[in-house]
Amino acid sequence: MAPPAAQRIVIENCAIATVDAGDTEYASGHLVLAGNRIESVGAGKAPEGLENVARRIDASGHLATPGLVNTHHHFYQWITRGLATDHNLFDWLVALYPVWARIDERMTYAAAQGSLAMMARGGVTTAMDHHYVFPRGCGDLSGSIIRAAAETGVRFTLARGSMDRGEKDGGLPPDFAVETLEGALAATEETVREHHDASFDAMTQVAVAPCSPFSVSTELMRQGAELARRLGVRLHTHGSETVEEEKFCHELFGMGPTDYFDSTGWLGEDVWMAHCVHMTDSDIAAFARTRTGVAHCPSSNARLAAGIARVPDLLAADVPVGLGVDGTASNESGELHTELRNALLINRLGAHREAALNARQALRLGTYGGAQVLGRAEQIGSLEPGKLADVVLWKMDTLAHASIADPVTALVLGAAAPVTASFVNGRQIVDHGRLVAVDEDAIARSTREEAQRLARIAAQG
């Protein structure tokens, strides 16, 4: 808990969706933040006689929720948005890998700034980045991404990715954009040892994250899992995203993706997979049995025509499921709060129709579900005393939402709600829709310049 002398922020007069185990909600309630922890949450006004109150916020007309948790992203793609817009996954990768193979540290830093800024101003308080493109001589890409996250003020997980199956070995990426098996493992271990923080209130954590079955050798998958467990960190990769991937796995490994992951040590409560669109009943049972998590990316799945993930069936089996933006070359908006709505709508196009998801389930996916998937459900993802003070105040009394009586329905199904305030670790990072610690306009300029520079370099070949 916070120390007794910690400064307090008192938030009152707002609707509150706690997303706790009982989905407790208050039509008008209060939150008290003490240092970097939530001290109290409940109905009505805050307790009288609180000491060290540094600030009181009258949040009338607002909904307070846990901060949104993004469970899958590729920040570097911010500077290649709007390309290959009518491709499926494999064709899209073939079109873009030659461009991505030219990135360097300056580009990656600017792209991370853009990705983080867009998410943070839209209510994300915990972000992650799956970065797996490390061209030779590109500089310190991992360090640049972590620096951008620290400057923005969000809680962050870097999934240190890798690829060792280039074109000459039957993979999709150019050979000069992949690492050797030994190089990838060594660099991943170095990143974990330098940057991973295992403490309760950690702002930076690192996961081991070989890219995907079709860009990574079986030995890198197997040794990557062993490395992660030796270091005590989580594991992340792409899984079962497309029918083409299913076919690839059967042709190359003689089994489907889930069985392949199982054979390489990649199922377990310390693992989460992105997408998981094409899952059989036995696949879902394997995930449920092993508590393997899923990052559901509805907009990207639609953009690349990958299909509709079986989210209602995954949830019914008690598989941990969170939401992901995915890379902004396949989700140009780069925002997670729009994924609440898209997850609900797209899943209702599937077999379960109107019973697939409701508004509160969608909010849970984007908050507590994401915390589960990242292994941080004890610290974030719900508004409860003792948890970290990651809180968002959504303005719900404007033209866009004022006539919707239920604020959670308004947040999920209505237009994207303005963020009046967002707190991470008790520190405000968004104030009336603008980022507090970084200059959005400067970031917009630098991302445009780096996108143009990358396009010039890629055109030169």
Protein backbone atom coordinates (compact mmCIF):
# COMPACT_ATOMS: atom_id res chain seq x y z
CA MET A 1 0.00 0.00 0.00
CA ALA A 2 0.97 3.65 -0.36
CA PRO A 3 2.95 5.16 2.54
CA PRO A 4 0.86 7.17 5.04
CA ALA A 5 2.46 10.47 3.97
CA ALA A 6 1.73 9.96 0.28
CA GLN A 7 0.03 12.86 -1.47
CA ARG A 8 -3.57 12.18 -2.39
CA ILE A 9 -5.68 12.98 -5.42
CA VAL A 10 -9.42 12.90 -4.75
CA ILE A 11 -11.78 12.30 -7.68
CA GLU A 12 -15.51 12.72 -6.99
CA ASN A 13 -18.98 12.87 -8.59
CA CYS A 14 -18.28 10.51 -11.49
CA ALA A 15 -19.78 7.25 -12.64
CA ILE A 16 -17.33 4.42 -11.96
CA ALA A 17 -16.92 1.05 -13.67
CA THR A 18 -14.44 -0.80 -11.48
CA VAL A 19 -14.20 -3.96 -13.65
CA ASP A 20 -13.55 -5.91 -10.46
CA ALA A 21 -14.58 -9.55 -10.09
CA GLY A 22 -18.20 -8.55 -9.44
CA ASP A 23 -18.29 -5.79 -12.08
CA THR A 24 -19.08 -3.30 -9.33
CA GLU A 25 -20.31 0.06 -10.63
CA TYR A 26 -21.31 3.35 -9.02
CA ALA A 27 -23.65 5.86 -10.62
CA SER A 28 -21.90 8.59 -8.62
CA GLY A 29 -18.80 7.75 -6.69
CA HIS A 30 -15.27 8.64 -5.69
CA LEU A 31 -11.68 7.50 -6.08
CA VAL A 32 -8.79 8.38 -3.81
CA LEU A 33 -5.30 7.96 -5.25
CA ALA A 34 -2.48 7.93 -2.70
CA GLY A 35 0.93 8.10 -4.30
CA ASN A 36 0.94 5.47 -7.03
CA ARG A 37 -1.85 3.33 -5.50
CA ILE A 38 -5.63 3.38 -5.38
CA GLU A 39 -6.49 3.95 -1.73
CA SER A 40 -10.27 3.83 -1.90
CA VAL A 41 -13.15 3.60 -4.36
CA GLY A 42 -16.82 3.70 -3.58
CA ALA A 43 -20.20 5.37 -3.79
CA GLY A 44 -20.78 9.01 -2.93
CA LYS A 45 -18.20 11.49 -1.70
CA ALA A 46 -14.69 10.61 -0.57
CA PRO A 47 -14.11 10.06 3.16
CA GLU A 48 -13.82 13.21 5.27
CA GLY A 49 -10.61 14.29 6.96
CA LEU A 50 -8.13 13.01 4.38
CA GLU A 51 -4.64 14.41 4.86
CA ASN A 52 -2.08 15.45 2.24
CA VAL A 53 -4.73 16.10 -0.42
CA ALA A 54 -2.80 17.73 -3.25
CA ARG A 55 -5.73 17.96 -5.64
CA ARG A 56 -9.49 17.53 -5.79
CA ILE A 57 -11.21 16.80 -9.11
CA ASP A 58 -14.93 17.35 -9.60
CA ALA A 59 -15.52 14.72 -12.29
CA SER A 60 -19.22 15.39 -12.85
CA GLY A 61 -20.30 14.15 -16.27
CA HIS A 62 -17.45 11.62 -16.46
CA LEU A 63 -17.00 7.86 -16.34
CA ALA A 64 -13.95 6.53 -14.49
CA THR A 65 -12.52 3.21 -15.66
CA PRO A 66 -9.25 1.36 -15.29
CA GLY A 67 -6.69 2.45 -17.84
CA LEU A 68 -6.83 0.52 -21.10
CA VAL A 69 -4.23 -2.23 -21.60
CA ASN A 70 -2.88 -2.91 -25.08
CA THR A 71 -1.64 -6.48 -25.53
CA HIS A 72 -0.28 -6.49 -29.11
CA HIS A 73 1.32 -3.84 -31.29
CA HIS A 74 4.19 -3.10 -33.69
CA PHE A 75 5.18 0.51 -33.13
CA TYR A 76 7.62 0.76 -36.03
CA GLN A 77 4.74 0.37 -38.48
CA TRP A 78 3.52 3.90 -37.62
CA ILE A 79 5.73 5.23 -40.43
CA THR A 80 4.38 2.77 -43.04
CA ARG A 81 0.66 3.38 -42.59
CA GLY A 82 -1.67 3.42 -45.58
CA LEU A 83 0.32 0.95 -47.71
CA ALA A 84 -0.81 -2.39 -49.17
CA THR A 85 -4.37 -1.62 -48.14
CA ASP A 86 -6.02 -4.40 -50.17
CA HIS A 87 -3.80 -7.37 -49.27
CA ASN A 88 -4.14 -10.47 -47.14
CA LEU A 89 -1.51 -11.12 -44.48
CA PHE A 90 1.10 -12.98 -46.52
CA ASP A 91 0.86 -10.62 -49.54
CA TRP A 92 0.94 -7.64 -47.18
CA LEU A 93 4.10 -8.96 -45.52
CA VAL A 94 5.78 -9.60 -48.88
CA ALA A 95 4.94 -6.02 -49.92
CA LEU A 96 6.16 -4.38 -46.71
CA TYR A 97 9.11 -6.44 -45.45
CA PRO A 98 11.50 -4.83 -47.98
CA VAL A 99 10.49 -1.43 -46.58
CA TRP A 100 10.63 -2.45 -42.92
CA ALA A 101 14.07 -3.96 -43.49
CA ARG A 102 15.42 -0.39 -43.92
CA ILE A 103 14.40 0.98 -40.52
CA ASP A 104 16.96 2.47 -38.16
CA GLU A 105 17.06 3.79 -34.62
CA ARG A 106 15.85 7.30 -35.48
CA MET A 107 12.88 5.96 -37.43
CA THR A 108 11.99 3.47 -34.72
CA TYR A 109 12.09 6.11 -32.00
CA ALA A 110 9.83 8.47 -33.96
CA ALA A 111 7.42 5.66 -34.81
CA ALA A 112 7.28 4.58 -31.16
CA GLN A 113 6.54 8.16 -30.14
CA GLY A 114 3.66 8.34 -32.62
CA SER A 115 2.20 4.97 -31.63
CA LEU A 116 2.43 5.70 -27.91
CA ALA A 117 1.04 9.22 -28.20
CA MET A 118 -2.02 8.09 -30.12
CA MET A 119 -2.78 5.30 -27.66
CA ALA A 120 -2.14 7.36 -24.53
CA ARG A 121 -4.39 10.22 -25.55
CA GLY A 122 -7.10 7.60 -26.13
CA GLY A 123 -7.01 6.08 -22.65
CA VAL A 124 -4.19 3.50 -22.84
CA THR A 125 -2.14 3.43 -19.66
CA THR A 126 -0.29 0.14 -20.30
CA ALA A 127 1.17 -0.46 -23.75
CA MET A 128 3.23 -3.19 -25.32
CA ASP A 129 5.31 -3.41 -28.46
CA HIS A 130 6.27 -6.59 -30.30
CA HIS A 131 9.39 -5.48 -32.16
CA TYR A 132 11.05 -8.16 -34.26
CA VAL A 133 12.77 -6.36 -37.18
CA PHE A 134 16.46 -5.77 -36.45
CA PRO A 135 18.33 -4.97 -39.71
CA ARG A 136 22.10 -5.11 -39.48
CA GLY A 137 23.65 -1.86 -38.31
CA CYS A 138 20.29 -0.36 -37.31
CA GLY A 139 21.32 0.92 -33.86
CA ASP A 140 19.71 0.40 -30.46
CA LEU A 141 16.10 -0.17 -31.48
CA SER A 142 14.95 -1.68 -28.18
CA GLY A 143 16.47 1.15 -26.18
CA SER A 144 14.84 3.78 -28.40
CA ILE A 145 11.40 2.21 -27.96
CA ILE A 146 11.75 1.98 -24.18
CA ARG A 147 12.92 5.60 -24.06
CA ALA A 148 9.85 6.75 -26.00
CA ALA A 149 7.54 4.89 -23.59
CA ALA A 150 9.25 6.41 -20.54
CA GLU A 151 8.95 9.91 -22.00
CA THR A 152 5.24 9.45 -22.73
CA GLY A 153 4.64 8.15 -19.21
CA VAL A 154 2.86 4.88 -19.95
CA ARG A 155 3.45 1.53 -18.32
CA PHE A 156 5.20 -0.63 -20.92
CA THR A 157 6.06 -4.17 -21.95
CA LEU A 158 8.62 -4.64 -24.72
CA ALA A 159 8.19 -8.01 -26.40
CA ARG A 160 11.71 -8.38 -27.78
CA GLY A 161 11.02 -10.17 -31.04
CA SER A 162 13.30 -11.93 -33.47
CA MET A 163 13.40 -13.64 -36.87
CA ASP A 164 16.00 -16.10 -38.11
CA ARG A 165 14.17 -17.56 -41.15
CA GLY A 166 14.97 -15.29 -44.09
CA GLU A 167 14.19 -15.69 -47.78
CA LYS A 168 17.01 -18.18 -48.39
CA ASP A 169 15.45 -20.49 -45.76
CA GLY A 170 11.91 -20.20 -47.11
CA GLY A 171 10.82 -17.27 -44.94
CA LEU A 172 9.28 -13.96 -46.01
CA PRO A 173 11.70 -11.30 -44.66
CA PRO A 174 14.85 -10.29 -46.57
CA ASP A 175 17.95 -12.09 -45.34
CA PHE A 176 19.67 -8.90 -44.14
CA ALA A 177 16.68 -8.15 -41.85
CA VAL A 178 16.93 -11.38 -39.85
CA GLU A 179 19.28 -12.44 -37.07
CA THR A 180 21.14 -15.65 -36.49
CA LEU A 181 19.78 -18.06 -33.91
CA GLU A 182 22.66 -17.34 -31.56
CA GLY A 183 22.52 -13.59 -32.16
CA ALA A 184 18.79 -13.38 -31.51
CA LEU A 185 18.98 -15.33 -28.27
CA ALA A 186 21.96 -13.33 -27.00
CA ALA A 187 20.41 -9.97 -27.85
CA THR A 188 17.10 -10.98 -26.27
CA GLU A 189 18.80 -12.05 -23.06
CA GLU A 190 20.77 -8.81 -22.94
CA THR A 191 17.55 -6.78 -23.37
CA VAL A 192 15.83 -8.66 -20.55
CA ARG A 193 18.77 -8.25 -18.18
CA GLU A 194 19.15 -4.55 -18.96
CA HIS A 195 15.52 -3.43 -18.96
CA HIS A 196 13.13 -5.89 -17.26
CA ASP A 197 11.72 -4.80 -13.90
CA ALA A 198 9.90 -7.52 -11.96
CA SER A 199 8.65 -5.25 -9.16
CA PHE A 200 4.94 -4.71 -8.36
CA ASP A 201 4.86 -1.17 -9.74
CA ALA A 202 7.22 -1.77 -12.67
CA MET A 203 6.99 0.72 -15.51
CA THR A 204 9.05 -1.41 -17.94
CA GLN A 205 8.98 -5.14 -18.48
CA VAL A 206 10.39 -7.35 -21.24
CA ALA A 207 9.05 -10.54 -22.83
CA VAL A 208 10.73 -13.05 -25.15
CA ALA A 209 8.95 -12.91 -28.49
CA PRO A 210 10.10 -14.75 -31.65
CA CYS A 211 7.92 -13.40 -34.44
CA SER A 212 5.86 -16.25 -35.93
CA PRO A 213 6.15 -19.85 -37.15
CA PHE A 214 6.80 -18.76 -40.73
CA SER A 215 9.67 -16.38 -39.90
CA VAL A 216 11.36 -18.27 -37.07
CA SER A 217 13.15 -21.61 -36.89
CA THR A 218 11.87 -24.35 -34.61
CA GLU A 219 15.10 -24.13 -32.65
CA LEU A 220 14.59 -20.41 -31.99
CA MET A 221 11.07 -21.13 -30.75
CA ARG A 222 12.28 -23.92 -28.48
CA GLN A 223 15.35 -22.15 -27.11
CA GLY A 224 13.39 -18.88 -26.81
CA ALA A 225 10.91 -20.60 -24.49
CA GLU A 226 13.74 -22.05 -22.44
CA LEU A 227 15.41 -18.62 -22.22
CA ALA A 228 12.22 -16.90 -21.05
CA ARG A 229 11.61 -19.43 -18.31
CA ARG A 230 15.22 -19.32 -17.18
CA LEU A 231 14.97 -15.52 -16.89
CA GLY A 232 11.46 -15.55 -15.39
CA VAL A 233 9.75 -13.45 -18.08
CA ARG A 234 6.72 -13.96 -20.30
CA LEU A 235 6.56 -15.30 -23.87
CA HIS A 236 4.73 -13.79 -26.85
CA THR A 237 4.28 -14.59 -30.55
CA HIS A 238 1.74 -14.60 -33.38
CA GLY A 239 -0.50 -17.65 -33.66
CA SER A 240 -3.29 -19.05 -35.86
CA GLU A 241 -3.82 -15.72 -37.62
CA THR A 242 -4.77 -16.93 -41.10
CA VAL A 243 -5.76 -20.02 -43.07
CA GLU A 244 -2.49 -19.63 -44.97
CA GLU A 245 -0.57 -19.99 -41.69
CA GLU A 246 -2.53 -23.15 -40.88
CA LYS A 247 -1.57 -24.59 -44.27
CA PHE A 248 2.06 -23.52 -43.83
CA CYS A 249 2.33 -25.27 -40.45
CA HIS A 250 0.84 -28.51 -41.77
CA GLU A 251 3.16 -28.50 -44.79
CA LEU A 252 6.33 -27.64 -42.85
CA PHE A 253 5.75 -29.28 -39.46
CA GLY A 254 3.07 -31.88 -40.16
CA MET A 255 0.71 -30.35 -37.59
CA GLY A 256 -1.43 -27.28 -36.95
CA PRO A 257 -0.17 -24.15 -35.16
CA THR A 258 -1.41 -25.03 -31.66
CA ASP A 259 0.10 -28.51 -31.74
CA TYR A 260 3.31 -27.00 -33.09
CA PHE A 261 3.41 -24.46 -30.27
CA ASP A 262 2.81 -27.24 -27.77
CA SER A 263 5.70 -29.26 -29.23
CA THR A 264 8.10 -26.32 -28.78
CA GLY A 265 7.09 -25.41 -25.23
CA TRP A 266 4.91 -22.48 -26.25
CA LEU A 267 1.73 -23.18 -24.30
CA GLY A 268 1.45 -22.09 -20.68
CA GLU A 269 0.19 -19.45 -18.27
CA ASP A 270 3.30 -17.36 -19.04
CA VAL A 271 2.47 -17.25 -22.79
CA TRP A 272 0.16 -15.07 -24.83
CA MET A 273 -0.49 -15.26 -28.57
CA ALA A 274 -1.64 -12.55 -30.95
CA HIS A 275 -4.77 -13.10 -33.09
CA CYS A 276 -5.75 -16.78 -32.65
CA VAL A 277 -8.39 -16.42 -35.36
CA HIS A 278 -8.47 -19.97 -36.71
CA MET A 279 -8.87 -22.11 -33.62
CA THR A 280 -10.52 -25.54 -33.44
CA ASP A 281 -12.36 -26.80 -30.36
CA SER A 282 -9.29 -28.82 -29.41
CA ASP A 283 -7.07 -25.72 -29.82
CA ILE A 284 -9.29 -23.75 -27.46
CA ALA A 285 -9.26 -26.64 -24.99
CA ALA A 286 -5.45 -26.68 -25.08
CA PHE A 287 -5.31 -22.93 -24.39
CA ALA A 288 -7.82 -23.31 -21.56
CA ARG A 289 -5.95 -26.24 -20.02
CA THR A 290 -2.62 -24.41 -20.08
CA ARG A 291 -4.00 -20.90 -19.38
CA THR A 292 -2.35 -19.56 -22.53
CA GLY A 293 -3.55 -16.01 -23.24
CA VAL A 294 -4.86 -14.37 -26.41
CA ALA A 295 -4.45 -10.82 -27.77
CA HIS A 296 -7.59 -10.18 -29.85
CA CYS A 297 -7.01 -7.62 -32.64
CA PRO A 298 -10.39 -7.12 -34.35
CA SER A 299 -9.55 -4.16 -36.59
CA SER A 300 -6.34 -5.68 -37.94
CA ASN A 301 -8.05 -9.03 -38.48
CA ALA A 302 -10.69 -7.25 -40.57
CA ARG A 303 -8.17 -5.04 -42.42
CA LEU A 304 -6.18 -8.11 -43.54
CA ALA A 305 -9.30 -10.26 -44.08
CA ALA A 306 -7.94 -12.82 -41.61
CA GLY A 307 -11.34 -13.78 -40.21
CA ILE A 308 -13.34 -13.52 -36.99
CA ALA A 309 -11.70 -14.91 -33.86
CA ARG A 310 -13.82 -17.15 -31.65
CA VAL A 311 -13.72 -14.78 -28.70
CA PRO A 312 -17.03 -15.88 -27.11
CA ASP A 313 -15.84 -19.50 -27.16
CA LEU A 314 -12.43 -18.54 -25.75
CA LEU A 315 -14.08 -16.63 -22.90
CA ALA A 316 -16.54 -19.46 -22.24
CA ALA A 317 -13.53 -21.78 -21.86
CA ASP A 318 -11.94 -19.31 -19.40
CA VAL A 319 -9.04 -18.48 -21.71
CA PRO A 320 -7.49 -15.09 -20.79
CA VAL A 321 -8.28 -12.64 -23.60
CA GLY A 322 -7.17 -9.01 -24.00
CA LEU A 323 -7.34 -6.49 -26.84
CA GLY A 324 -4.60 -5.37 -29.21
CA VAL A 325 -4.24 -2.48 -31.62
CA ASP A 326 -1.77 -4.49 -33.71
CA GLY A 327 0.66 -2.71 -35.98
CA THR A 328 -0.54 0.54 -37.50
CA ALA A 329 0.24 -0.68 -41.00
CA SER A 330 -2.80 -2.94 -40.51
CA ASN A 331 -4.80 -0.64 -38.20
CA GLU A 332 -4.10 2.88 -39.30
CA SER A 333 -6.01 4.57 -36.44
CA GLY A 334 -3.56 3.19 -33.87
CA GLU A 335 -6.14 3.56 -31.08
CA LEU A 336 -7.23 0.93 -28.57
CA HIS A 337 -10.47 2.51 -27.35
CA THR A 338 -11.99 1.99 -30.80
CA GLU A 339 -11.20 -1.72 -30.40
CA LEU A 340 -13.76 -1.96 -27.58
CA ARG A 341 -16.48 -1.16 -30.10
CA ASN A 342 -14.98 -3.19 -32.93
CA ALA A 343 -14.53 -6.27 -30.75
CA LEU A 344 -18.22 -6.19 -29.85
CA LEU A 345 -19.48 -5.49 -33.37
CA ILE A 346 -17.23 -7.89 -35.28
CA ASN A 347 -17.86 -10.77 -32.89
CA ARG A 348 -21.60 -10.27 -33.35
CA LEU A 349 -21.08 -11.09 -37.02
CA GLY A 350 -19.94 -14.55 -35.98
CA ALA A 351 -21.82 -17.66 -34.94
CA HIS A 352 -23.04 -16.27 -31.61
CA ARG A 353 -24.62 -13.18 -33.22
CA GLU A 354 -26.14 -10.74 -30.71
CA ALA A 355 -25.12 -12.95 -27.77
CA ALA A 356 -21.41 -12.85 -28.67
CA LEU A 357 -20.30 -9.94 -26.47
CA ASN A 358 -21.92 -7.14 -24.52
CA ALA A 359 -20.56 -3.71 -23.62
CA ARG A 360 -19.22 -4.72 -20.23
CA GLN A 361 -17.45 -7.75 -21.62
CA ALA A 362 -15.82 -5.51 -24.22
CA LEU A 363 -14.63 -3.10 -21.52
CA ARG A 364 -13.27 -6.05 -19.52
CA LEU A 365 -11.31 -7.26 -22.56
CA GLY A 366 -9.66 -3.86 -22.83
CA THR A 367 -8.79 -3.57 -19.13
CA TYR A 368 -8.69 -6.57 -16.79
CA GLY A 369 -8.41 -9.08 -19.66
CA GLY A 370 -5.35 -7.27 -20.95
CA ALA A 371 -3.83 -7.21 -17.48
CA GLN A 372 -4.32 -10.99 -17.24
CA VAL A 373 -2.68 -11.54 -20.61
CA LEU A 374 0.36 -9.46 -19.62
CA GLY A 375 0.62 -11.24 -16.27
CA ARG A 376 -0.24 -8.09 -14.28
CA ALA A 377 -3.80 -8.71 -13.08
CA GLU A 378 -2.76 -8.30 -9.44
CA GLN A 379 -1.50 -4.78 -10.13
CA ILE A 380 -3.66 -3.21 -12.87
CA GLY A 381 -6.82 -3.74 -14.91
CA SER A 382 -9.45 -2.90 -12.28
CA LEU A 383 -10.16 -0.08 -9.83
CA GLU A 384 -9.59 -1.65 -6.42
CA PRO A 385 -7.80 -0.51 -3.25
CA GLY A 386 -4.14 -1.51 -3.29
CA LYS A 387 -3.88 -1.64 -7.07
CA LEU A 388 -1.73 0.78 -9.04
CA ALA A 389 -3.29 4.17 -9.79
CA ASP A 390 -3.86 3.73 -13.53
CA VAL A 391 -7.18 5.52 -14.09
CA VAL A 392 -8.98 7.21 -17.00
CA LEU A 393 -11.72 9.85 -16.82
CA TRP A 394 -13.89 9.80 -19.96
CA LYS A 395 -16.07 12.87 -20.65
CA MET A 396 -19.58 11.55 -21.24
CA ASP A 397 -21.75 14.70 -21.13
CA THR A 398 -21.05 16.06 -24.62
CA LEU A 399 -23.27 15.87 -27.69
CA ALA A 400 -21.76 12.50 -28.64
CA HIS A 401 -22.84 10.68 -25.46
CA ALA A 402 -25.13 12.76 -23.24
CA SER A 403 -28.37 11.11 -24.36
CA ILE A 404 -27.13 7.57 -23.60
CA ALA A 405 -28.17 6.81 -20.02
CA ASP A 406 -25.71 3.95 -19.41
CA PRO A 407 -22.14 5.35 -19.46
CA VAL A 408 -20.48 1.98 -20.16
CA THR A 409 -22.72 1.45 -23.20
CA ALA A 410 -21.97 5.01 -24.25
CA LEU A 411 -18.22 4.42 -23.96
CA VAL A 412 -18.21 1.14 -25.89
CA LEU A 413 -20.88 1.68 -28.55
CA GLY A 414 -20.81 5.45 -28.88
CA ALA A 415 -18.32 7.66 -30.65
CA ALA A 416 -14.77 7.71 -29.31
CA ALA A 417 -15.10 9.49 -25.94
CA PRO A 418 -12.78 12.38 -25.03
CA VAL A 419 -10.24 11.69 -22.29
CA THR A 420 -10.25 14.52 -19.75
CA ALA A 421 -7.60 12.94 -17.55
CA SER A 422 -5.48 9.82 -17.60
CA PHE A 423 -3.27 8.76 -14.70
CA VAL A 424 -0.45 6.21 -14.74
CA ASN A 425 1.15 5.27 -11.43
CA GLY A 426 -0.71 8.24 -9.93
CA ARG A 427 0.85 10.69 -12.38
CA GLN A 428 -1.35 12.51 -14.91
CA ILE A 429 -0.26 11.91 -18.51
CA VAL A 430 -3.31 13.32 -20.38
CA ASP A 431 -5.07 16.60 -19.64
CA HIS A 432 -8.23 17.42 -21.62
CA GLY A 433 -7.22 15.26 -24.55
CA ARG A 434 -3.63 16.48 -24.79
CA LEU A 435 -0.50 14.69 -23.67
CA VAL A 436 1.20 16.27 -20.68
CA ALA A 437 4.81 15.16 -21.01
CA VAL A 438 5.44 15.23 -24.77
CA ASP A 439 4.70 17.60 -27.66
CA GLU A 440 2.13 15.99 -29.99
CA ASP A 441 2.73 18.49 -32.79
CA ALA A 442 6.48 17.87 -32.74
CA ILE A 443 5.85 14.13 -32.81
CA ALA A 444 3.54 14.53 -35.80
CA ARG A 445 6.26 16.39 -37.68
CA SER A 446 9.00 13.91 -36.83
CA THR A 447 6.90 10.87 -37.77
CA ARG A 448 6.04 12.42 -41.12
CA GLU A 449 9.71 13.24 -41.78
CA GLU A 450 10.85 9.73 -40.84
CA ALA A 451 8.10 8.14 -42.95
CA GLN A 452 9.29 10.17 -45.93
CA ARG A 453 12.93 9.30 -45.25
CA LEU A 454 12.11 5.59 -45.05
CA ALA A 455 10.12 5.77 -48.29
CA ARG A 456 13.09 7.41 -50.06
CA ILE A 457 15.56 4.83 -48.76
CA ALA A 458 13.26 1.91 -49.65
CA ALA A 459 12.71 3.29 -53.15
CA GLN A 460 16.46 3.37 -53.69
CA GLY A 461 16.54 -0.35 -52.85
